[in-house]
N, C-alpha and C. Protein backbone atom coordinates (compact mmCIF):
# COMPACT_ATOMS: atom_id res chain seq x y z
N UNK A 1 39.16 -76.04 49.78
CA UNK A 1 39.36 -74.76 50.00
C UNK A 1 39.20 -74.72 51.66
N UNK A 2 40.32 -74.15 52.28
CA UNK A 2 39.94 -74.14 53.63
C UNK A 2 39.29 -73.02 53.79
N UNK A 3 38.59 -72.81 55.01
CA UNK A 3 37.65 -72.36 55.60
C UNK A 3 38.48 -70.45 55.68
N UNK A 4 39.32 -70.39 56.10
CA UNK A 4 40.27 -69.11 56.53
C UNK A 4 40.63 -68.62 55.00
N UNK A 5 40.16 -69.28 53.63
CA UNK A 5 40.64 -68.87 52.68
C UNK A 5 39.51 -68.02 51.91
N UNK A 6 38.35 -68.28 52.73
CA UNK A 6 37.05 -67.59 52.18
C UNK A 6 37.28 -66.05 52.99
N UNK A 7 37.83 -66.01 54.04
CA UNK A 7 38.19 -64.66 54.53
C UNK A 7 39.37 -63.82 53.98
N UNK A 8 40.22 -64.53 53.34
CA UNK A 8 41.47 -64.03 52.97
C UNK A 8 41.72 -64.11 51.31
N UNK A 9 42.25 -63.28 50.65
CA UNK A 9 42.41 -63.50 49.56
C UNK A 9 43.89 -64.11 49.36
N UNK A 10 44.40 -64.04 47.74
CA UNK A 10 45.50 -65.22 47.63
C UNK A 10 46.76 -64.26 48.36
N UNK A 11 46.80 -62.91 48.92
CA UNK A 11 48.21 -62.56 49.31
C UNK A 11 47.81 -62.55 50.97
N UNK A 12 46.77 -63.00 51.45
CA UNK A 12 46.55 -63.15 53.06
C UNK A 12 45.82 -62.16 53.36
N UNK A 13 45.22 -60.95 52.82
CA UNK A 13 44.40 -59.69 53.14
C UNK A 13 42.73 -60.51 53.47
N UNK A 14 42.25 -59.72 54.45
CA UNK A 14 41.08 -59.69 54.53
C UNK A 14 40.29 -59.72 53.31
N UNK A 15 39.75 -60.92 52.84
CA UNK A 15 38.61 -60.25 51.60
C UNK A 15 37.14 -59.94 52.23
N UNK A 16 37.05 -58.45 51.99
CA UNK A 16 35.65 -57.88 52.65
C UNK A 16 34.66 -57.84 51.54
N UNK A 17 35.03 -58.45 50.28
CA UNK A 17 33.71 -59.05 49.45
C UNK A 17 32.96 -60.06 49.95
N UNK A 18 33.65 -61.17 50.45
CA UNK A 18 33.19 -62.46 51.18
C UNK A 18 32.28 -61.83 52.35
N UNK A 19 32.84 -60.94 53.11
CA UNK A 19 32.12 -60.40 54.24
C UNK A 19 30.94 -59.96 53.77
N UNK A 20 30.97 -59.11 52.49
CA UNK A 20 29.69 -58.13 52.43
C UNK A 20 28.77 -59.16 51.75
N UNK A 21 29.18 -60.41 51.18
CA UNK A 21 28.15 -61.19 50.54
C UNK A 21 27.25 -62.11 51.89
N UNK A 22 27.83 -62.04 52.85
CA UNK A 22 27.00 -62.65 53.88
C UNK A 22 25.73 -62.12 54.33
N UNK A 23 26.04 -61.20 54.23
CA UNK A 23 24.80 -59.88 54.84
C UNK A 23 23.33 -60.54 54.36
N UNK A 24 23.43 -61.10 53.15
CA UNK A 24 22.30 -61.78 52.13
C UNK A 24 21.58 -62.69 53.07
N UNK A 25 22.42 -63.41 53.56
CA UNK A 25 21.81 -64.35 54.41
C UNK A 25 21.42 -63.98 55.85
N UNK A 26 22.50 -63.14 56.21
CA UNK A 26 22.59 -62.67 57.83
C UNK A 26 20.95 -61.82 57.96
N UNK A 27 20.66 -60.90 56.87
CA UNK A 27 19.29 -60.11 56.98
C UNK A 27 17.85 -60.99 57.53
N UNK A 28 17.73 -61.84 56.80
CA UNK A 28 16.70 -62.85 57.07
C UNK A 28 16.43 -63.57 58.40
N UNK A 29 17.98 -64.04 58.55
CA UNK A 29 18.27 -65.21 59.54
C UNK A 29 18.02 -64.02 61.19
N UNK A 30 18.83 -62.64 60.80
CA UNK A 30 18.61 -61.80 61.96
C UNK A 30 16.87 -61.47 62.61
N UNK A 31 16.08 -61.01 61.11
CA UNK A 31 14.88 -60.70 61.30
C UNK A 31 14.26 -61.82 62.03
N UNK A 32 14.34 -63.08 61.60
CA UNK A 32 13.45 -64.55 62.02
C UNK A 32 13.72 -64.50 63.40
N UNK A 33 15.08 -64.26 63.49
CA UNK A 33 15.69 -64.01 64.97
C UNK A 33 15.06 -63.60 66.04
N UNK A 34 15.00 -62.04 65.71
CA UNK A 34 14.46 -60.96 66.43
C UNK A 34 12.69 -61.47 66.61
N UNK A 35 12.35 -61.96 65.64
CA UNK A 35 10.73 -61.94 65.82
C UNK A 35 10.53 -63.45 66.44
N UNK A 36 11.60 -64.48 66.33
CA UNK A 36 11.55 -65.65 67.44
C UNK A 36 11.60 -65.04 68.73
N UNK A 37 12.49 -64.22 68.98
CA UNK A 37 12.79 -63.85 70.31
C UNK A 37 11.37 -63.02 70.87
N UNK A 38 10.96 -62.24 70.25
CA UNK A 38 10.12 -61.51 70.95
C UNK A 38 8.72 -62.35 70.93
N UNK A 39 8.24 -63.05 70.11
CA UNK A 39 7.17 -64.11 70.32
C UNK A 39 7.54 -64.93 71.33
N UNK A 40 8.61 -65.49 71.55
CA UNK A 40 8.77 -66.43 72.16
C UNK A 40 7.73 -67.21 73.42
N UNK A 41 7.67 -66.15 74.30
CA UNK A 41 6.79 -66.25 75.26
C UNK A 41 5.42 -66.34 75.26
N UNK A 42 4.90 -66.29 74.00
CA UNK A 42 3.68 -66.11 73.64
C UNK A 42 3.12 -67.28 72.87
N UNK A 43 3.87 -68.02 72.51
CA UNK A 43 3.63 -69.72 71.50
C UNK A 43 2.99 -70.49 72.32
N UNK A 44 1.94 -70.48 72.06
CA UNK A 44 0.51 -71.57 72.39
C UNK A 44 0.45 -72.51 71.73
N UNK A 45 1.37 -73.12 70.98
CA UNK A 45 1.46 -74.35 69.76
C UNK A 45 1.12 -75.30 70.78
N UNK A 46 1.70 -75.67 71.94
CA UNK A 46 1.33 -76.92 72.55
C UNK A 46 0.00 -77.05 73.17
N UNK A 47 -0.93 -75.87 73.12
CA UNK A 47 -2.17 -76.04 73.49
C UNK A 47 -3.13 -75.86 73.11
N UNK A 48 -2.81 -75.47 71.59
CA UNK A 48 -3.72 -75.46 70.44
C UNK A 48 -4.29 -77.14 70.23
N UNK A 49 -5.31 -76.85 69.55
CA UNK A 49 -6.11 -78.22 68.60
C UNK A 49 -5.42 -78.08 67.48
N UNK A 50 -4.95 -79.20 67.19
CA UNK A 50 -4.03 -79.19 65.71
C UNK A 50 -4.76 -79.79 64.74
N UNK A 51 -4.39 -79.22 63.62
CA UNK A 51 -5.17 -79.90 62.50
C UNK A 51 -4.49 -81.22 62.09
N UNK A 52 -4.69 -81.89 61.17
CA UNK A 52 -4.21 -83.30 60.80
C UNK A 52 -2.73 -82.65 59.94
N UNK A 53 -1.63 -83.09 59.94
CA UNK A 53 -0.52 -83.44 59.83
C UNK A 53 0.63 -82.10 60.54
N UNK A 54 -0.08 -81.51 61.52
CA UNK A 54 0.61 -80.61 62.29
C UNK A 54 1.91 -80.94 62.89
N UNK A 55 3.09 -80.48 62.23
CA UNK A 55 4.67 -81.05 62.51
C UNK A 55 4.62 -80.91 64.47
N UNK A 56 5.76 -81.28 64.60
CA UNK A 56 5.94 -81.24 65.94
C UNK A 56 6.42 -79.75 66.28
N UNK A 57 6.66 -78.70 67.43
CA UNK A 57 7.11 -77.57 67.58
C UNK A 57 8.45 -77.50 66.89
N UNK A 58 9.29 -78.28 67.31
CA UNK A 58 10.78 -78.60 67.15
C UNK A 58 11.10 -78.30 65.55
N UNK A 59 10.08 -78.79 64.73
CA UNK A 59 10.30 -78.21 63.51
C UNK A 59 10.36 -77.16 62.65
N UNK A 60 9.75 -76.26 63.42
CA UNK A 60 9.52 -74.72 62.92
C UNK A 60 10.92 -74.25 62.95
N UNK A 61 11.70 -73.76 64.11
CA UNK A 61 12.82 -73.45 63.89
C UNK A 61 13.65 -73.88 62.98
N UNK A 62 13.83 -75.08 62.86
CA UNK A 62 14.65 -75.88 61.78
C UNK A 62 14.25 -75.67 60.52
N UNK A 63 13.03 -75.97 60.36
CA UNK A 63 12.46 -74.97 58.67
C UNK A 63 12.85 -73.88 58.41
N UNK A 64 12.47 -72.67 59.42
CA UNK A 64 12.73 -71.30 58.85
C UNK A 64 14.15 -71.05 59.01
N UNK A 65 14.95 -71.76 59.80
CA UNK A 65 16.42 -71.38 59.52
C UNK A 65 17.01 -71.88 58.05
N UNK A 66 16.25 -72.91 57.79
CA UNK A 66 16.61 -73.38 56.53
C UNK A 66 16.20 -72.27 55.38
N UNK A 67 15.11 -72.16 55.53
CA UNK A 67 14.27 -71.04 54.48
C UNK A 67 14.90 -70.10 54.36
N UNK A 68 15.16 -69.45 55.58
CA UNK A 68 16.18 -68.20 55.92
C UNK A 68 17.17 -68.01 54.87
N UNK A 69 18.17 -69.06 55.18
CA UNK A 69 19.45 -69.22 54.54
C UNK A 69 18.92 -69.14 52.79
N UNK A 70 18.22 -70.31 52.47
CA UNK A 70 17.83 -70.06 51.10
C UNK A 70 17.50 -68.89 50.60
N UNK A 71 16.51 -68.05 51.22
CA UNK A 71 15.87 -66.78 50.63
C UNK A 71 17.11 -65.95 50.70
N UNK A 72 18.19 -65.93 51.63
CA UNK A 72 19.37 -65.03 51.47
C UNK A 72 20.34 -65.21 50.32
N UNK A 73 20.49 -66.39 50.11
CA UNK A 73 21.27 -66.88 48.99
C UNK A 73 20.70 -66.61 47.97
N UNK A 74 19.40 -66.93 47.49
CA UNK A 74 18.86 -66.30 46.37
C UNK A 74 18.51 -65.28 46.21
N UNK A 75 18.39 -64.23 47.22
CA UNK A 75 18.40 -62.77 47.02
C UNK A 75 19.73 -62.15 46.75
N UNK A 76 20.78 -62.97 47.53
CA UNK A 76 22.32 -62.54 47.11
C UNK A 76 22.44 -62.76 45.53
N UNK A 77 22.44 -64.14 45.25
CA UNK A 77 22.50 -64.48 43.46
C UNK A 77 21.90 -63.02 42.65
N UNK A 78 20.78 -62.50 43.08
CA UNK A 78 20.07 -61.58 42.14
C UNK A 78 21.12 -59.99 42.39
N UNK A 79 21.63 -59.75 43.74
CA UNK A 79 22.29 -58.96 43.83
C UNK A 79 23.64 -59.15 43.19
N UNK A 80 24.19 -60.36 43.38
CA UNK A 80 25.48 -60.21 43.01
C UNK A 80 25.67 -60.26 41.39
N UNK A 81 24.85 -60.45 40.57
CA UNK A 81 24.60 -60.71 39.37
C UNK A 81 23.68 -59.35 38.57
N UNK A 82 23.83 -58.49 39.50
CA UNK A 82 23.49 -56.77 39.38
C UNK A 82 21.93 -57.22 38.50
N UNK A 83 21.10 -58.11 39.04
CA UNK A 83 20.05 -58.18 38.29
C UNK A 83 18.67 -57.40 39.50
N UNK A 84 18.89 -56.80 40.63
CA UNK A 84 18.10 -56.16 41.60
C UNK A 84 17.50 -54.94 40.81
N UNK A 85 16.52 -54.96 41.12
CA UNK A 85 15.56 -53.19 40.54
C UNK A 85 14.87 -52.99 41.80
N UNK A 86 14.13 -52.01 41.40
CA UNK A 86 13.05 -51.59 42.67
C UNK A 86 11.89 -52.86 42.77
N UNK A 87 11.18 -53.31 41.74
CA UNK A 87 10.34 -54.40 41.91
C UNK A 87 10.77 -55.39 42.68
N UNK A 88 12.08 -55.81 42.66
CA UNK A 88 12.53 -57.39 43.22
C UNK A 88 12.78 -56.76 44.64
N UNK A 89 13.76 -55.51 44.88
CA UNK A 89 13.85 -55.06 46.34
C UNK A 89 12.24 -54.93 47.09
N UNK A 90 11.35 -54.56 46.37
CA UNK A 90 10.39 -54.27 46.76
C UNK A 90 9.41 -55.41 47.51
N UNK A 91 9.38 -56.55 46.42
CA UNK A 91 8.93 -57.76 46.64
C UNK A 91 9.68 -58.64 47.93
N UNK A 92 10.73 -58.51 47.92
CA UNK A 92 11.86 -59.18 48.97
C UNK A 92 11.52 -58.98 50.13
N UNK A 93 11.53 -57.60 50.37
CA UNK A 93 11.50 -56.80 51.61
C UNK A 93 10.27 -56.71 52.10
N UNK A 94 9.12 -56.66 51.45
CA UNK A 94 7.47 -56.66 51.49
C UNK A 94 7.33 -58.02 52.12
N UNK A 95 7.64 -59.16 51.44
CA UNK A 95 7.23 -60.54 51.85
C UNK A 95 8.18 -60.76 53.48
N UNK A 96 9.36 -60.17 53.51
CA UNK A 96 10.07 -60.40 55.01
C UNK A 96 9.40 -59.58 55.94
N UNK A 97 8.91 -58.55 55.66
CA UNK A 97 7.93 -57.46 56.74
C UNK A 97 6.64 -58.36 56.93
N UNK A 98 5.99 -58.93 56.05
CA UNK A 98 4.63 -59.75 56.24
C UNK A 98 4.70 -61.05 56.83
N UNK A 99 5.93 -61.55 56.40
CA UNK A 99 6.39 -62.76 57.20
C UNK A 99 6.42 -62.59 58.75
N UNK A 100 7.17 -61.86 58.99
CA UNK A 100 7.60 -61.10 60.48
C UNK A 100 6.37 -60.87 61.19
N UNK A 101 5.55 -60.18 60.58
CA UNK A 101 4.30 -59.33 61.25
C UNK A 101 3.01 -60.87 61.45
N UNK A 102 3.39 -61.72 60.49
CA UNK A 102 2.50 -62.91 60.64
C UNK A 102 2.46 -63.36 62.25
N UNK A 103 3.76 -63.74 62.84
CA UNK A 103 3.97 -64.26 63.83
C UNK A 103 3.49 -63.33 64.80
N UNK A 104 3.68 -62.35 64.88
CA UNK A 104 3.08 -61.04 65.91
C UNK A 104 1.60 -61.25 65.84
N UNK A 105 1.02 -61.42 64.98
CA UNK A 105 -0.76 -61.44 64.78
C UNK A 105 -1.32 -62.71 65.30
N UNK A 106 -0.28 -64.03 64.97
CA UNK A 106 -0.89 -65.06 65.46
C UNK A 106 -0.40 -65.52 66.66
N UNK A 107 0.30 -65.24 67.29
CA UNK A 107 1.07 -65.63 68.33
C UNK A 107 0.85 -64.61 69.75
N UNK A 108 1.27 -63.30 69.30
CA UNK A 108 0.98 -62.37 70.33
C UNK A 108 -0.40 -61.87 70.62
N UNK A 109 -1.21 -61.39 69.27
CA UNK A 109 -2.31 -60.89 69.34
C UNK A 109 -3.34 -62.44 69.48
N UNK A 110 -2.94 -63.29 68.94
CA UNK A 110 -3.93 -64.51 68.85
C UNK A 110 -5.07 -64.02 68.01
N UNK A 111 -4.98 -63.55 66.74
CA UNK A 111 -5.96 -63.10 65.71
C UNK A 111 -5.73 -64.44 64.91
N UNK A 112 -6.26 -65.37 65.07
CA UNK A 112 -6.20 -66.30 63.90
C UNK A 112 -6.71 -66.16 62.78
N UNK A 113 -7.99 -65.64 62.52
CA UNK A 113 -8.32 -65.14 61.45
C UNK A 113 -7.81 -64.34 60.50
N UNK A 114 -7.53 -63.21 61.12
CA UNK A 114 -6.66 -61.95 60.58
C UNK A 114 -5.50 -62.47 60.13
N UNK A 115 -4.74 -63.67 60.97
CA UNK A 115 -3.60 -64.34 60.66
C UNK A 115 -3.78 -65.10 59.39
N UNK A 116 -4.92 -65.49 58.94
CA UNK A 116 -4.88 -66.39 57.94
C UNK A 116 -5.13 -65.58 56.69
N UNK A 117 -6.10 -64.20 56.91
CA UNK A 117 -5.85 -63.27 55.82
C UNK A 117 -4.46 -63.05 55.49
N UNK A 118 -3.71 -62.51 56.45
CA UNK A 118 -2.38 -62.02 56.33
C UNK A 118 -1.53 -63.12 55.82
N UNK A 119 -1.63 -64.36 55.94
CA UNK A 119 -0.59 -65.25 55.49
C UNK A 119 -1.26 -65.31 53.74
N UNK A 120 -2.36 -65.41 53.59
CA UNK A 120 -2.52 -65.45 52.06
C UNK A 120 -1.88 -64.28 51.64
N UNK A 121 -1.62 -63.02 51.80
CA UNK A 121 -1.15 -62.12 51.37
C UNK A 121 0.41 -62.47 51.36
N UNK A 122 1.27 -63.10 52.36
CA UNK A 122 2.55 -63.49 52.13
C UNK A 122 2.60 -64.55 51.07
N UNK A 123 1.75 -65.62 50.68
CA UNK A 123 1.70 -66.66 50.27
C UNK A 123 1.61 -65.93 48.53
N UNK A 124 0.89 -64.66 48.42
CA UNK A 124 0.92 -64.11 46.97
C UNK A 124 2.30 -63.38 46.73
N UNK A 125 2.85 -62.61 47.89
CA UNK A 125 3.80 -61.92 48.00
C UNK A 125 5.11 -62.89 47.42
N UNK A 126 5.12 -63.68 48.12
CA UNK A 126 5.91 -65.08 48.00
C UNK A 126 6.33 -65.63 46.49
N UNK A 127 5.33 -66.06 46.00
CA UNK A 127 5.01 -66.54 44.67
C UNK A 127 5.03 -65.65 43.71
N UNK A 128 4.83 -64.18 43.76
CA UNK A 128 5.37 -63.36 42.96
C UNK A 128 6.74 -63.04 42.83
N UNK A 129 7.55 -63.32 44.06
CA UNK A 129 8.83 -62.91 44.39
C UNK A 129 9.55 -64.09 43.67
N UNK A 130 9.04 -65.03 43.88
CA UNK A 130 9.87 -66.22 43.20
C UNK A 130 9.61 -66.16 41.53
N UNK A 131 8.37 -65.72 41.29
CA UNK A 131 8.60 -65.67 39.64
C UNK A 131 9.31 -64.46 39.42
N UNK A 132 9.39 -63.42 39.83
CA UNK A 132 10.38 -62.54 39.54
C UNK A 132 11.90 -63.02 39.67
N UNK A 133 12.21 -63.54 40.72
CA UNK A 133 13.49 -63.99 40.86
C UNK A 133 13.85 -64.82 39.61
N UNK A 134 12.91 -65.79 39.26
CA UNK A 134 13.11 -67.18 38.16
C UNK A 134 13.22 -66.60 36.79
N UNK A 135 12.56 -65.46 36.76
CA UNK A 135 12.86 -64.71 35.17
C UNK A 135 14.07 -63.93 35.25
N UNK A 136 14.77 -63.79 36.31
CA UNK A 136 15.97 -63.22 36.33
C UNK A 136 17.20 -63.94 36.25
N UNK A 137 16.76 -65.16 37.12
CA UNK A 137 18.06 -66.23 37.27
C UNK A 137 17.31 -67.27 37.83
N UNK A 138 17.42 -68.49 37.32
CA UNK A 138 16.21 -69.61 37.23
C UNK A 138 16.54 -70.34 38.52
N UNK A 139 17.91 -70.31 39.19
CA UNK A 139 18.81 -70.83 40.31
C UNK A 139 17.90 -70.36 41.80
N UNK A 140 18.11 -68.92 41.34
CA UNK A 140 17.11 -67.79 42.32
C UNK A 140 15.88 -68.12 42.38
N UNK A 141 14.99 -68.30 41.66
CA UNK A 141 13.79 -68.51 41.52
C UNK A 141 13.51 -70.01 42.25
N UNK A 142 14.10 -71.17 41.83
CA UNK A 142 14.14 -72.52 42.25
C UNK A 142 14.45 -72.73 43.59
N UNK A 143 15.45 -71.33 44.17
CA UNK A 143 15.50 -71.64 45.40
C UNK A 143 14.27 -71.46 46.37
N UNK A 144 13.49 -70.66 46.06
CA UNK A 144 12.14 -70.20 46.53
C UNK A 144 11.10 -71.22 46.70
N UNK A 145 11.10 -72.37 46.09
CA UNK A 145 10.31 -73.50 45.85
C UNK A 145 10.13 -74.08 47.41
N UNK A 146 10.81 -74.46 48.38
CA UNK A 146 11.04 -74.93 49.42
C UNK A 146 10.12 -73.68 50.52
N UNK A 147 10.25 -72.69 49.86
CA UNK A 147 9.80 -71.40 51.09
C UNK A 147 8.12 -71.67 50.39
N UNK A 148 7.87 -71.61 49.25
CA UNK A 148 6.19 -71.78 48.76
C UNK A 148 5.84 -72.75 49.60
N UNK A 149 6.30 -74.01 49.44
CA UNK A 149 5.64 -75.32 49.93
C UNK A 149 5.62 -74.54 51.12
N UNK A 150 6.27 -74.51 51.93
CA UNK A 150 6.12 -74.39 53.45
C UNK A 150 5.09 -73.10 53.57
N UNK A 151 5.14 -72.28 53.32
CA UNK A 151 4.13 -71.01 53.57
C UNK A 151 2.43 -71.63 53.24
N UNK A 152 2.80 -72.37 52.35
CA UNK A 152 1.28 -72.76 51.79
C UNK A 152 1.04 -73.98 52.93
N UNK A 153 1.64 -74.76 53.14
CA UNK A 153 1.39 -75.63 54.32
C UNK A 153 1.14 -74.80 55.42
N UNK A 154 1.91 -73.83 55.73
CA UNK A 154 1.38 -72.97 56.86
C UNK A 154 0.30 -72.14 56.88
N UNK A 155 -0.31 -71.95 55.68
CA UNK A 155 -1.68 -71.26 55.50
C UNK A 155 -2.73 -72.37 55.65
N UNK A 156 -2.37 -73.71 55.29
CA UNK A 156 -3.60 -74.73 55.71
C UNK A 156 -3.29 -74.98 57.22
N UNK A 157 -2.12 -75.07 57.95
CA UNK A 157 -2.12 -75.04 59.41
C UNK A 157 -2.66 -73.96 60.03
N UNK A 158 -2.80 -72.84 59.47
CA UNK A 158 -3.21 -71.69 60.09
C UNK A 158 -4.70 -71.63 59.79
N UNK A 159 -5.21 -71.75 59.10
CA UNK A 159 -6.60 -71.94 58.86
C UNK A 159 -6.95 -73.37 59.56
N UNK A 160 -6.33 -74.50 59.79
CA UNK A 160 -6.75 -75.53 60.87
C UNK A 160 -6.65 -75.00 62.10
N UNK A 161 -5.83 -74.15 62.76
CA UNK A 161 -6.12 -73.51 63.93
C UNK A 161 -7.15 -72.74 64.00
N UNK A 162 -7.48 -71.95 63.32
CA UNK A 162 -8.52 -71.25 63.37
C UNK A 162 -9.99 -71.61 63.59
N UNK A 163 -10.25 -72.82 62.76
CA UNK A 163 -11.10 -73.71 62.78
C UNK A 163 -11.53 -74.38 64.35
N UNK A 164 -10.34 -75.04 64.69
CA UNK A 164 -10.39 -75.93 65.96
C UNK A 164 -10.15 -75.39 67.09
N UNK A 165 -9.62 -73.95 67.01
CA UNK A 165 -9.72 -73.00 68.43
C UNK A 165 -10.30 -71.85 68.51
């Protein structure tokens, strides 16, 4: 299938439905991008004492881009299959907000202990969201596994940064 076939239907008209579907991926990517720009001049990762297994700075934007894409695809599946409800929307958008604010707390305010407490809230929200998604659509829930693994690793890193700095 050619790329322009995604944008056009069989008659050659613009397929607006496919453009509407991309919003599920764009929303987390845009939120992550805005937060990344907002905190970029405050990131002090290079000068922090790092816990064991701390990845290089370059790993973070790569990992988060992948995770935001998976997050959007997963939420898109729920929406496209008409499985969305108030609880699902609340979990999804709450974890997006908590996720975005963690970076502000950790990098701009440098409140490492509060950021650790905040990321535990994020861990819980993402786990509850993944379970909720899985109950509605197995693939949608399974697509959240890399996110869960990454934020649990980030929780470990956050604790290590707090203790070591």
